[in-house]
Amino acid sequence: MSQFRCQIVTPSEAVLDEQVEYVSFPAWDGQVGVIAGTSPFLMNAGSGSLRIEFGNGSRLYLLDGGFARMQDDVLTLLADDIIPADQIELSEAEEELAAASAAATEAGRTSAHQRKEIEQAQDRAQAKVQLARATSSRPGSI
């Protein structure tokens, strides 16, 4: 399979700069898949599961916002935050999801902005739980 370059950068560090075969990441409006030769784009990144396929395996991350740009067969993810899936503890992720769900239940008369923040916290926590479960069921593949 053809490869392309993938760069991941956060405000504090360069996380990845390697040749990859496939990347799937959350955009603001759904999951996006990228292969070599993908047309140029610039879009907002969302919160959720980021999967990177290499010739010899894959890695999973929690991507939490930012921007994605594809240009000249280089995918650049400018991430607000990124966490390797193998560093997410399932019990902590489940507690975070329970707290976010409780906040949503108690929200009552909140502003649209507050509801959006609560929904984002729920989505992020749900993604963390899913990634932690996926990592625990696939040891050594991340």
N, C-alpha and C. Protein backbone atom coordinates (compact mmCIF):
# COMPACT_ATOMS: atom_id res chain seq x y z
N MET A 1 0.85 -1.18 0.00
CA MET A 1 0.00 0.00 0.00
C MET A 1 0.89 1.24 0.00
N SER A 2 0.47 2.27 -0.71
CA SER A 2 1.21 3.53 -0.76
C SER A 2 1.20 4.21 0.59
N GLN A 3 2.27 4.94 0.84
CA GLN A 3 2.38 5.65 2.11
C GLN A 3 2.38 7.15 1.89
N PHE A 4 2.10 7.87 2.97
CA PHE A 4 2.17 9.32 2.99
C PHE A 4 2.70 9.74 4.35
N ARG A 5 3.07 10.98 4.48
CA ARG A 5 3.64 11.48 5.73
C ARG A 5 2.53 11.98 6.64
N CYS A 6 2.64 11.64 7.91
CA CYS A 6 1.68 12.11 8.92
C CYS A 6 2.46 12.82 10.02
N GLN A 7 2.06 14.05 10.30
CA GLN A 7 2.66 14.84 11.37
C GLN A 7 1.58 15.18 12.38
N ILE A 8 1.90 14.99 13.66
CA ILE A 8 0.98 15.38 14.72
C ILE A 8 1.74 16.30 15.67
N VAL A 9 1.16 17.47 15.90
CA VAL A 9 1.80 18.48 16.73
C VAL A 9 0.77 19.02 17.72
N THR A 10 1.17 19.17 18.97
CA THR A 10 0.35 19.84 19.98
C THR A 10 1.02 21.17 20.32
N PRO A 11 0.38 22.00 21.11
CA PRO A 11 1.04 23.26 21.50
C PRO A 11 2.36 23.05 22.24
N SER A 12 2.56 21.87 22.84
CA SER A 12 3.77 21.68 23.63
C SER A 12 4.79 20.70 23.05
N GLU A 13 4.41 19.91 22.02
CA GLU A 13 5.37 18.94 21.50
C GLU A 13 4.99 18.42 20.11
N ALA A 14 6.01 17.91 19.43
CA ALA A 14 5.80 17.18 18.18
C ALA A 14 5.60 15.71 18.58
N VAL A 15 4.44 15.15 18.27
CA VAL A 15 4.10 13.81 18.72
C VAL A 15 4.52 12.74 17.70
N LEU A 16 4.36 13.06 16.41
CA LEU A 16 4.62 12.04 15.39
C LEU A 16 5.03 12.73 14.09
N ASP A 17 5.96 12.12 13.38
CA ASP A 17 6.34 12.55 12.04
C ASP A 17 6.88 11.31 11.33
N GLU A 18 5.95 10.54 10.71
CA GLU A 18 6.32 9.26 10.11
C GLU A 18 5.54 8.99 8.84
N GLN A 19 6.03 8.03 8.07
CA GLN A 19 5.33 7.53 6.91
C GLN A 19 4.26 6.55 7.39
N VAL A 20 3.04 6.69 6.89
CA VAL A 20 1.92 5.85 7.31
C VAL A 20 1.15 5.39 6.09
N GLU A 21 0.28 4.40 6.29
CA GLU A 21 -0.55 3.89 5.20
C GLU A 21 -1.98 4.42 5.25
N TYR A 22 -2.48 4.68 6.46
CA TYR A 22 -3.88 5.09 6.62
C TYR A 22 -4.03 5.81 7.95
N VAL A 23 -4.88 6.84 7.95
CA VAL A 23 -5.21 7.55 9.19
C VAL A 23 -6.71 7.78 9.21
N SER A 24 -7.32 7.49 10.35
CA SER A 24 -8.73 7.79 10.57
C SER A 24 -8.81 8.69 11.79
N PHE A 25 -9.45 9.86 11.63
CA PHE A 25 -9.52 10.80 12.74
C PHE A 25 -10.90 11.44 12.80
N PRO A 26 -11.28 11.96 13.98
CA PRO A 26 -12.58 12.63 14.11
C PRO A 26 -12.49 14.06 13.61
N ALA A 27 -13.40 14.41 12.72
CA ALA A 27 -13.54 15.80 12.28
C ALA A 27 -14.75 16.36 13.02
N TRP A 28 -15.00 17.62 12.85
CA TRP A 28 -16.12 18.25 13.55
C TRP A 28 -17.46 17.66 13.12
N ASP A 29 -17.51 17.07 11.92
CA ASP A 29 -18.78 16.55 11.41
C ASP A 29 -18.76 15.06 11.13
N GLY A 30 -17.80 14.33 11.67
CA GLY A 30 -17.76 12.89 11.48
C GLY A 30 -16.34 12.38 11.31
N GLN A 31 -16.21 11.08 11.20
CA GLN A 31 -14.91 10.44 11.08
C GLN A 31 -14.39 10.60 9.64
N VAL A 32 -13.09 10.85 9.49
CA VAL A 32 -12.46 11.04 8.20
C VAL A 32 -11.35 10.01 8.03
N GLY A 33 -11.29 9.38 6.86
CA GLY A 33 -10.22 8.44 6.54
C GLY A 33 -9.32 9.04 5.48
N VAL A 34 -8.01 8.85 5.65
CA VAL A 34 -7.04 9.44 4.73
C VAL A 34 -6.08 8.36 4.25
N ILE A 35 -5.85 8.33 2.93
CA ILE A 35 -4.85 7.46 2.32
C ILE A 35 -3.96 8.32 1.43
N ALA A 36 -2.89 7.74 0.93
CA ALA A 36 -2.02 8.46 0.00
C ALA A 36 -2.84 8.91 -1.20
N GLY A 37 -2.59 10.13 -1.66
CA GLY A 37 -3.30 10.66 -2.81
C GLY A 37 -4.61 11.36 -2.48
N THR A 38 -4.95 11.46 -1.20
CA THR A 38 -6.18 12.16 -0.81
C THR A 38 -6.08 13.63 -1.22
N SER A 39 -7.18 14.15 -1.72
CA SER A 39 -7.23 15.56 -2.14
C SER A 39 -6.94 16.49 -0.97
N PRO A 40 -6.40 17.65 -1.25
CA PRO A 40 -6.11 18.61 -0.18
C PRO A 40 -7.38 19.03 0.56
N PHE A 41 -7.23 19.25 1.87
CA PHE A 41 -8.32 19.76 2.68
C PHE A 41 -7.77 20.47 3.90
N LEU A 42 -8.61 21.27 4.51
CA LEU A 42 -8.34 21.93 5.78
C LEU A 42 -9.65 21.88 6.55
N MET A 43 -9.63 21.32 7.76
CA MET A 43 -10.88 21.20 8.52
C MET A 43 -10.61 21.20 10.02
N ASN A 44 -11.67 21.46 10.76
CA ASN A 44 -11.61 21.36 12.22
C ASN A 44 -11.60 19.89 12.61
N ALA A 45 -10.74 19.55 13.56
CA ALA A 45 -10.72 18.20 14.12
C ALA A 45 -11.68 18.16 15.30
N GLY A 46 -12.25 17.01 15.54
CA GLY A 46 -13.16 16.84 16.66
C GLY A 46 -12.49 16.11 17.80
N SER A 47 -13.30 15.52 18.66
CA SER A 47 -12.81 14.69 19.76
C SER A 47 -13.19 13.26 19.49
N GLY A 48 -12.22 12.36 19.65
CA GLY A 48 -12.52 10.95 19.47
C GLY A 48 -11.29 10.15 19.11
N SER A 49 -11.55 9.00 18.54
CA SER A 49 -10.51 8.02 18.25
C SER A 49 -9.72 8.38 16.99
N LEU A 50 -8.42 8.40 17.13
CA LEU A 50 -7.49 8.59 16.02
C LEU A 50 -6.75 7.27 15.85
N ARG A 51 -6.84 6.69 14.63
CA ARG A 51 -6.15 5.42 14.34
C ARG A 51 -5.17 5.66 13.22
N ILE A 52 -3.94 5.22 13.45
CA ILE A 52 -2.89 5.36 12.45
C ILE A 52 -2.39 3.96 12.10
N GLU A 53 -2.44 3.65 10.80
CA GLU A 53 -1.99 2.34 10.31
C GLU A 53 -0.61 2.50 9.68
N PHE A 54 0.31 1.68 10.15
CA PHE A 54 1.65 1.61 9.60
C PHE A 54 1.75 0.29 8.84
N GLY A 55 2.82 0.06 8.15
CA GLY A 55 2.99 -1.20 7.45
C GLY A 55 3.07 -2.40 8.38
N ASN A 56 3.47 -2.17 9.62
CA ASN A 56 3.68 -3.27 10.57
C ASN A 56 2.77 -3.21 11.80
N GLY A 57 1.69 -2.48 11.75
CA GLY A 57 0.78 -2.39 12.89
C GLY A 57 0.06 -1.07 12.93
N SER A 58 -0.57 -0.81 14.07
CA SER A 58 -1.35 0.42 14.20
C SER A 58 -1.17 1.01 15.59
N ARG A 59 -1.54 2.28 15.70
CA ARG A 59 -1.56 2.97 17.00
C ARG A 59 -2.88 3.69 17.13
N LEU A 60 -3.38 3.74 18.36
CA LEU A 60 -4.62 4.45 18.67
C LEU A 60 -4.32 5.59 19.62
N TYR A 61 -5.04 6.69 19.43
CA TYR A 61 -4.91 7.87 20.27
C TYR A 61 -6.29 8.45 20.52
N LEU A 62 -6.40 9.24 21.56
CA LEU A 62 -7.57 10.10 21.75
C LEU A 62 -7.15 11.48 21.25
N LEU A 63 -7.81 11.94 20.20
CA LEU A 63 -7.58 13.28 19.66
C LEU A 63 -8.66 14.18 20.23
N ASP A 64 -8.26 15.33 20.74
CA ASP A 64 -9.23 16.23 21.35
C ASP A 64 -9.11 17.62 20.74
N GLY A 65 -9.71 17.77 19.54
CA GLY A 65 -9.80 19.07 18.90
C GLY A 65 -8.54 19.50 18.18
N GLY A 66 -8.68 20.55 17.40
CA GLY A 66 -7.57 21.11 16.66
C GLY A 66 -7.94 21.29 15.20
N PHE A 67 -6.95 21.14 14.33
CA PHE A 67 -7.15 21.29 12.90
C PHE A 67 -6.42 20.18 12.16
N ALA A 68 -6.94 19.83 10.99
CA ALA A 68 -6.31 18.83 10.13
C ALA A 68 -6.11 19.44 8.75
N ARG A 69 -4.93 19.22 8.19
CA ARG A 69 -4.64 19.72 6.84
C ARG A 69 -3.96 18.62 6.04
N MET A 70 -4.47 18.39 4.84
CA MET A 70 -3.84 17.46 3.91
C MET A 70 -3.38 18.28 2.72
N GLN A 71 -2.08 18.22 2.43
CA GLN A 71 -1.54 18.96 1.30
C GLN A 71 -0.25 18.28 0.86
N ASP A 72 -0.12 18.05 -0.44
CA ASP A 72 1.08 17.45 -1.02
C ASP A 72 1.44 16.11 -0.35
N ASP A 73 0.44 15.28 -0.12
CA ASP A 73 0.60 13.97 0.50
C ASP A 73 1.22 14.04 1.91
N VAL A 74 0.92 15.12 2.62
CA VAL A 74 1.31 15.27 4.02
C VAL A 74 0.06 15.62 4.82
N LEU A 75 -0.28 14.77 5.79
CA LEU A 75 -1.39 15.05 6.71
C LEU A 75 -0.78 15.66 7.97
N THR A 76 -1.22 16.87 8.30
CA THR A 76 -0.75 17.53 9.51
C THR A 76 -1.95 17.70 10.44
N LEU A 77 -1.83 17.16 11.64
CA LEU A 77 -2.85 17.33 12.67
C LEU A 77 -2.28 18.27 13.73
N LEU A 78 -2.88 19.44 13.84
CA LEU A 78 -2.52 20.40 14.88
C LEU A 78 -3.51 20.18 16.01
N ALA A 79 -3.13 19.36 16.96
CA ALA A 79 -4.05 18.88 18.00
C ALA A 79 -4.05 19.77 19.22
N ASP A 80 -5.24 20.04 19.75
CA ASP A 80 -5.33 20.74 21.03
C ASP A 80 -4.75 19.85 22.12
N ASP A 81 -5.09 18.55 22.05
CA ASP A 81 -4.58 17.57 23.01
C ASP A 81 -4.63 16.20 22.35
N ILE A 82 -3.71 15.34 22.72
CA ILE A 82 -3.68 13.98 22.20
C ILE A 82 -3.12 13.07 23.28
N ILE A 83 -3.76 11.89 23.45
CA ILE A 83 -3.34 10.94 24.47
C ILE A 83 -3.22 9.57 23.81
N PRO A 84 -2.07 8.91 23.93
CA PRO A 84 -1.97 7.54 23.42
C PRO A 84 -2.98 6.65 24.15
N ALA A 85 -3.65 5.80 23.40
CA ALA A 85 -4.71 4.95 23.99
C ALA A 85 -4.18 4.07 25.10
N ASP A 86 -2.94 3.62 24.99
CA ASP A 86 -2.41 2.73 26.03
C ASP A 86 -2.09 3.46 27.33
N GLN A 87 -2.25 4.78 27.35
CA GLN A 87 -2.06 5.55 28.58
C GLN A 87 -3.39 5.91 29.24
N ILE A 88 -4.50 5.44 28.68
CA ILE A 88 -5.82 5.73 29.24
C ILE A 88 -6.22 4.57 30.14
N GLU A 89 -6.50 4.88 31.38
CA GLU A 89 -6.95 3.87 32.35
C GLU A 89 -8.45 3.72 32.24
N LEU A 90 -8.92 2.49 32.05
CA LEU A 90 -10.35 2.23 31.88
C LEU A 90 -11.16 2.73 33.07
N SER A 91 -10.73 2.45 34.28
CA SER A 91 -11.50 2.85 35.47
C SER A 91 -11.64 4.37 35.55
N GLU A 92 -10.56 5.09 35.24
CA GLU A 92 -10.63 6.56 35.26
C GLU A 92 -11.53 7.08 34.15
N ALA A 93 -11.47 6.46 32.98
CA ALA A 93 -12.32 6.88 31.86
C ALA A 93 -13.79 6.64 32.19
N GLU A 94 -14.09 5.51 32.84
CA GLU A 94 -15.48 5.22 33.22
C GLU A 94 -15.98 6.21 34.27
N GLU A 95 -15.12 6.59 35.21
CA GLU A 95 -15.50 7.60 36.20
C GLU A 95 -15.76 8.95 35.53
N GLU A 96 -14.92 9.30 34.57
CA GLU A 96 -15.10 10.56 33.84
C GLU A 96 -16.41 10.56 33.06
N LEU A 97 -16.75 9.41 32.46
CA LEU A 97 -18.01 9.30 31.72
C LEU A 97 -19.20 9.40 32.67
N ALA A 98 -19.11 8.76 33.82
CA ALA A 98 -20.20 8.84 34.79
C ALA A 98 -20.40 10.28 35.27
N ALA A 99 -19.32 10.99 35.52
CA ALA A 99 -19.42 12.38 35.96
C ALA A 99 -20.01 13.26 34.86
N ALA A 100 -19.59 13.04 33.62
CA ALA A 100 -20.12 13.83 32.50
C ALA A 100 -21.60 13.54 32.29
N SER A 101 -22.00 12.29 32.44
CA SER A 101 -23.41 11.92 32.29
C SER A 101 -24.25 12.52 33.42
N ALA A 102 -23.70 12.52 34.63
CA ALA A 102 -24.41 13.13 35.76
C ALA A 102 -24.58 14.63 35.54
N ALA A 103 -23.55 15.27 35.01
CA ALA A 103 -23.64 16.71 34.73
C ALA A 103 -24.71 16.98 33.68
N ALA A 104 -24.82 16.09 32.71
CA ALA A 104 -25.84 16.26 31.67
C ALA A 104 -27.24 16.11 32.25
N THR A 105 -27.40 15.18 33.17
CA THR A 105 -28.70 14.94 33.81
C THR A 105 -29.11 16.13 34.68
N GLU A 106 -28.12 16.73 35.35
CA GLU A 106 -28.39 17.83 36.27
C GLU A 106 -28.44 19.19 35.56
N ALA A 107 -28.14 19.22 34.28
CA ALA A 107 -28.00 20.48 33.55
C ALA A 107 -29.24 21.37 33.63
N GLY A 108 -30.42 20.77 33.51
CA GLY A 108 -31.64 21.55 33.63
C GLY A 108 -31.68 22.76 32.73
N ARG A 109 -31.67 23.93 33.34
CA ARG A 109 -31.77 25.18 32.58
C ARG A 109 -30.40 25.78 32.34
N THR A 110 -29.64 25.16 31.51
CA THR A 110 -28.33 25.72 31.19
C THR A 110 -28.39 26.40 29.83
N SER A 111 -27.41 27.22 29.59
CA SER A 111 -27.35 27.91 28.30
C SER A 111 -26.94 26.92 27.22
N ALA A 112 -27.13 27.31 25.98
CA ALA A 112 -26.74 26.46 24.85
C ALA A 112 -25.25 26.20 24.89
N HIS A 113 -24.48 27.19 25.27
CA HIS A 113 -23.02 27.04 25.35
C HIS A 113 -22.65 26.00 26.42
N GLN A 114 -23.29 26.07 27.58
CA GLN A 114 -23.01 25.10 28.65
C GLN A 114 -23.41 23.69 28.24
N ARG A 115 -24.56 23.56 27.56
CA ARG A 115 -24.99 22.24 27.08
C ARG A 115 -23.98 21.67 26.10
N LYS A 116 -23.46 22.52 25.23
CA LYS A 116 -22.47 22.06 24.25
C LYS A 116 -21.21 21.57 24.97
N GLU A 117 -20.77 22.29 25.97
CA GLU A 117 -19.59 21.87 26.74
C GLU A 117 -19.82 20.54 27.44
N ILE A 118 -21.02 20.36 27.99
CA ILE A 118 -21.36 19.10 28.66
C ILE A 118 -21.38 17.95 27.66
N GLU A 119 -21.97 18.18 26.49
CA GLU A 119 -22.00 17.15 25.44
C GLU A 119 -20.60 16.80 24.97
N GLN A 120 -19.73 17.79 24.84
CA GLN A 120 -18.35 17.54 24.43
C GLN A 120 -17.62 16.71 25.48
N ALA A 121 -17.86 17.01 26.75
CA ALA A 121 -17.24 16.23 27.83
C ALA A 121 -17.72 14.78 27.80
N GLN A 122 -19.02 14.59 27.53
CA GLN A 122 -19.55 13.22 27.41
C GLN A 122 -18.92 12.50 26.23
N ASP A 123 -18.84 13.15 25.08
CA ASP A 123 -18.26 12.54 23.88
C ASP A 123 -16.80 12.15 24.11
N ARG A 124 -16.05 13.05 24.75
CA ARG A 124 -14.63 12.78 25.03
C ARG A 124 -14.50 11.60 25.99
N ALA A 125 -15.30 11.59 27.03
CA ALA A 125 -15.24 10.50 28.00
C ALA A 125 -15.64 9.17 27.37
N GLN A 126 -16.66 9.18 26.53
CA GLN A 126 -17.09 7.96 25.84
C GLN A 126 -15.98 7.43 24.93
N ALA A 127 -15.31 8.33 24.23
CA ALA A 127 -14.20 7.93 23.37
C ALA A 127 -13.06 7.34 24.20
N LYS A 128 -12.79 7.92 25.37
CA LYS A 128 -11.74 7.39 26.24
C LYS A 128 -12.08 5.97 26.70
N VAL A 129 -13.33 5.74 27.07
CA VAL A 129 -13.76 4.41 27.50
C VAL A 129 -13.58 3.41 26.36
N GLN A 130 -14.03 3.77 25.17
CA GLN A 130 -13.92 2.87 24.02
C GLN A 130 -12.46 2.57 23.70
N LEU A 131 -11.60 3.58 23.73
CA LEU A 131 -10.18 3.35 23.46
C LEU A 131 -9.52 2.49 24.52
N ALA A 132 -9.86 2.74 25.78
CA ALA A 132 -9.28 1.94 26.87
C ALA A 132 -9.71 0.48 26.73
N ARG A 133 -10.95 0.25 26.38
CA ARG A 133 -11.42 -1.13 26.17
C ARG A 133 -10.73 -1.77 24.97
N ALA A 134 -10.59 -1.01 23.90
CA ALA A 134 -9.93 -1.54 22.70
C ALA A 134 -8.48 -1.90 22.98
N THR A 135 -7.82 -1.07 23.76
CA THR A 135 -6.41 -1.33 24.07
C THR A 135 -6.25 -2.54 24.97
N SER A 136 -7.17 -2.69 25.92
CA SER A 136 -7.05 -3.84 26.83
C SER A 136 -7.37 -5.15 26.11
N SER A 137 -8.14 -5.09 25.01
CA SER A 137 -8.46 -6.32 24.28
C SER A 137 -7.44 -6.62 23.19
N ARG A 138 -6.51 -5.68 22.92
CA ARG A 138 -5.49 -5.87 21.89
C ARG A 138 -4.11 -5.55 22.44
N PRO A 139 -3.66 -6.20 23.51
CA PRO A 139 -2.36 -5.85 24.07
C PRO A 139 -1.26 -6.08 23.05
N GLY A 140 -0.30 -5.15 23.05
CA GLY A 140 0.86 -5.28 22.18
C GLY A 140 0.65 -4.76 20.78
N SER A 141 -0.56 -4.37 20.41
CA SER A 141 -0.78 -3.91 19.04
C SER A 141 -0.75 -2.40 18.91
N ILE A 142 -0.67 -1.71 20.02
CA ILE A 142 -0.69 -0.25 19.99
C ILE A 142 0.72 0.28 20.03
